[in-house]
C-alpha atoms as a PDB file:
ATOM      1  CA  MET A   1     -46.408  -0.421 -35.472  1.00  0.00           C
ATOM      2  CA  ASN A   2     -47.237   2.595 -33.832  1.00  0.00           C
ATOM      3  CA  THR A   3     -47.099   1.311 -30.340  1.00  0.00           C
ATOM      4  CA  SER A   4     -43.242  -0.414 -30.871  1.00  0.00           C
ATOM      5  CA  LYS A   5     -42.477   3.356 -32.175  1.00  0.00           C
ATOM      6  CA  ARG A   6     -43.913   4.701 -28.868  1.00  0.00           C
ATOM      7  CA  SER A   7     -42.296   2.296 -26.323  1.00  0.00           C
ATOM      8  CA  PHE A   8     -38.838   2.883 -28.155  1.00  0.00           C
ATOM      9  CA  GLY A   9     -39.359   6.830 -28.045  1.00  0.00           C
ATOM     10  CA  ASN A  10     -40.476   6.976 -24.211  1.00  0.00           C
ATOM     11  CA  GLY A  11     -37.251   4.966 -23.330  1.00  0.00           C
ATOM     12  CA  GLU A  12     -35.057   7.302 -25.349  1.00  0.00           C
ATOM     13  CA  LYS A  13     -36.912   9.897 -23.242  1.00  0.00           C
ATOM     14  CA  ARG A  14     -36.270   8.394 -19.990  1.00  0.00           C
ATOM     15  CA  PHE A  15     -32.476   7.494 -20.869  1.00  0.00           C
ATOM     16  CA  ILE A  16     -31.454  11.286 -21.560  1.00  0.00           C
ATOM     17  CA  ARG A  17     -33.573  12.252 -18.508  1.00  0.00           C
ATOM     18  CA  ASN A  18     -31.325   9.857 -16.096  1.00  0.00           C
ATOM     19  CA  LYS A  19     -28.035  10.626 -18.016  1.00  0.00           C
ATOM     20  CA  TYR A  20     -28.320  14.349 -17.039  1.00  0.00           C
ATOM     21  CA  LYS A  21     -29.274  13.335 -13.540  1.00  0.00           C
ATOM     22  CA  ARG A  22     -26.156  11.455 -13.235  1.00  0.00           C
ATOM     23  CA  SER A  23     -23.952  13.844 -14.293  1.00  0.00           C
ATOM     24  CA  PHE A  24     -25.578  16.278 -11.617  1.00  0.00           C
ATOM     25  CA  ARG A  25     -25.188  14.129  -9.080  1.00  0.00           C
ATOM     26  CA  ASN A  26     -21.479  13.378  -9.935  1.00  0.00           C
ATOM     27  CA  LYS A  27     -20.560  17.240 -10.126  1.00  0.00           C
ATOM     28  CA  SER A  28     -22.263  17.533  -6.260  1.00  0.00           C
ATOM     29  CA  ARG A  29     -20.323  14.810  -5.218  1.00  0.00           C
ATOM     30  CA  ARG A  30     -16.863  15.715  -6.470  1.00  0.00           C
ATOM     31  CA  SER A  31     -17.502  19.317  -5.158  1.00  0.00           C
ATOM     32  CA  SER A  32     -18.293  18.035  -1.339  1.00  0.00           C
ATOM     33  CA  ARG A  33     -14.994  15.952  -1.256  1.00  0.00           C
ATOM     34  CA  LYS A  34     -12.366  17.378   0.455  1.00  0.00           C
ATOM     35  CA  LYS A  35      -8.544  16.700  -1.226  1.00  0.00           C
ATOM     36  CA  SER A  36      -6.494  16.320   1.839  1.00  0.00           C
ATOM     37  CA  LYS A  37      -2.895  17.166   1.556  1.00  0.00           C
ATOM     38  CA  ARG A  38      -0.407  14.367   2.202  1.00  0.00           C
ATOM     39  CA  THR A  39       1.097  14.910   5.602  1.00  0.00           C
ATOM     40  CA  PHE A  40       4.737  13.512   5.982  1.00  0.00           C
ATOM     41  CA  HIS A  41       5.522  11.962   9.334  1.00  0.00           C
ATOM     42  CA  LYS A  42       9.251  12.173  10.640  1.00  0.00           C
ATOM     43  CA  ARG A  43      10.951   8.842  10.379  1.00  0.00           C
ATOM     44  CA  LEU A  44      11.832   7.714  13.830  1.00  0.00           C
ATOM     45  CA  PRO A  45      15.161   5.742  13.884  1.00  0.00           C
ATOM     46  CA  ARG A  46      14.624   2.016  15.071  1.00  0.00           C
ATOM     47  CA  ILE A  47      18.289   1.563  14.405  1.00  0.00           C
ATOM     48  CA  GLY A  48      20.448   3.152  17.278  1.00  0.00           C
ATOM     49  CA  SER A  49      23.861   5.382  16.097  1.00  0.00           C
ATOM     50  CA  GLY A  50      25.822   2.323  17.594  1.00  0.00           C
ATOM     51  CA  ASP A  51      23.947  -0.111  15.808  1.00  0.00           C
ATOM     52  CA  ARG A  52      25.544  -1.386  13.189  1.00  0.00           C
ATOM     53  CA  ILE A  53      23.718  -3.599  10.363  1.00  0.00           C
ATOM     54  CA  ASP A  54      25.442  -6.654   9.778  1.00  0.00           C
ATOM     55  CA  TYR A  55      24.568 -10.389   8.715  1.00  0.00           C
ATOM     56  CA  LYS A  56      25.987 -11.389  12.225  1.00  0.00           C
ATOM     57  CA  ASN A  57      24.172  -8.717  14.193  1.00  0.00           C
ATOM     58  CA  MET A  58      21.126 -11.411  14.913  1.00  0.00           C
ATOM     59  CA  SER A  59      19.211  -9.186  17.524  1.00  0.00           C
ATOM     60  CA  LEU A  60      19.039  -6.307  15.158  1.00  0.00           C
ATOM     61  CA  ILE A  61      17.837  -8.569  11.916  1.00  0.00           C
ATOM     62  CA  SER A  62      15.335 -10.235  14.028  1.00  0.00           C
ATOM     63  CA  ARG A  63      13.625  -7.048  14.488  1.00  0.00           C
ATOM     64  CA  PHE A  64      12.950  -6.720  10.728  1.00  0.00           C
ATOM     65  CA  ILE A  65      11.956  -9.792   9.958  1.00  0.00           C
ATOM     66  CA  SER A  66       8.021 -11.024  10.335  1.00  0.00           C
ATOM     67  CA  GLU A  67       6.578 -14.334  12.518  1.00  0.00           C
ATOM     68  CA  ARG A  68       6.565 -16.186   9.080  1.00  0.00           C
ATOM     69  CA  GLY A  69      10.263 -15.363   8.133  1.00  0.00           C
ATOM     70  CA  LYS A  70       9.568 -12.297   5.426  1.00  0.00           C
ATOM     71  CA  ILE A  71      11.423  -9.174   5.346  1.00  0.00           C
ATOM     72  CA  LEU A  72       9.492  -6.374   6.723  1.00  0.00           C
ATOM     73  CA  SER A  73       8.688  -3.469   3.934  1.00  0.00           C
ATOM     74  CA  ARG A  74      10.135  -0.124   4.731  1.00  0.00           C
ATOM     75  CA  ARG A  75       7.028   1.187   5.678  1.00  0.00           C
ATOM     76  CA  VAL A  76       6.687  -0.982   8.575  1.00  0.00           C
ATOM     77  CA  ASN A  77      10.173  -0.909   9.716  1.00  0.00           C
ATOM     78  CA  ARG A  78      10.321   3.119   9.435  1.00  0.00           C
ATOM     79  CA  LEU A  79      13.529   2.922   7.843  1.00  0.00           C
ATOM     80  CA  ALA A  80      15.375   5.050   5.526  1.00  0.00           C
ATOM     81  CA  ALA A  81      15.899   3.955   1.613  1.00  0.00           C
ATOM     82  CA  LYS A  82      19.508   3.394   2.256  1.00  0.00           C
ATOM     83  CA  GLN A  83      19.175   1.636   5.535  1.00  0.00           C
ATOM     84  CA  GLN A  84      16.489  -0.691   4.093  1.00  0.00           C
ATOM     85  CA  ARG A  85      18.716  -1.972   1.162  1.00  0.00           C
ATOM     86  CA  LEU A  86      21.314  -2.728   3.982  1.00  0.00           C
ATOM     87  CA  MET A  87      19.104  -4.828   5.946  1.00  0.00           C
ATOM     88  CA  THR A  88      17.699  -6.938   2.980  1.00  0.00           C
ATOM     89  CA  THR A  89      21.059  -7.834   2.147  1.00  0.00           C
ATOM     90  CA  ALA A  90      22.364  -8.552   5.821  1.00  0.00           C
ATOM     91  CA  ILE A  91      19.184 -10.711   6.029  1.00  0.00           C
ATOM     92  CA  LYS A  92      19.984 -12.388   2.799  1.00  0.00           C
ATOM     93  CA  ARG A  93      23.388 -13.140   3.394  1.00  0.00           C
ATOM     94  CA  ALA A  94      22.150 -14.592   7.049  1.00  0.00           C
ATOM     95  CA  ARG A  95      19.848 -16.762   4.957  1.00  0.00           C
ATOM     96  CA  ILE A  96      22.399 -18.134   3.165  1.00  0.00           C
ATOM     97  CA  LEU A  97      24.649 -18.874   6.046  1.00  0.00           C
ATOM     98  CA  SER A  98      21.886 -20.825   7.947  1.00  0.00           C
ATOM     99  CA  LEU A  99      21.633 -18.210  10.893  1.00  0.00           C
ATOM    100  CA  VAL A 100      18.298 -17.395   9.966  1.00  0.00           C
ATOM    101  CA  PRO A 101      15.775 -19.380   8.406  1.00  0.00           C
ATOM    102  CA  PHE A 102      14.105 -18.604   5.051  1.00  0.00           C
ATOM    103  CA  VAL A 103      10.728 -19.683   6.664  1.00  0.00           C
ATOM    104  CA  ASN A 104       9.321 -20.152   9.364  1.00  0.00           C
ATOM    105  CA  SER A 105       6.828 -22.974   9.930  1.00  0.00           C
ATOM    106  CA  TYR A 106       3.749 -22.928  11.716  1.00  0.00           C
END
């Protein structure tokens, strides 16, 4: 019975020792990391002032659809929120009128 108590006690000491080492390591990692500020990029207009967002304007709509026929996200499009909403409604209307396919095949 004495041997079992010794092995349990030794394992407990090792666990406590490792616990302190881990906490020390984590603190040093946190302090070494630099917090980067998020930079704001000026959005470049992909839609000209003369371009009108409309379901009939196929040359404009085709720029905002992927190769597979999906609507590209706002980050990819670099559009303002209002422009993206208008573009999605225009694309959906064009799909319903079968001017644009719902899904492009391979």
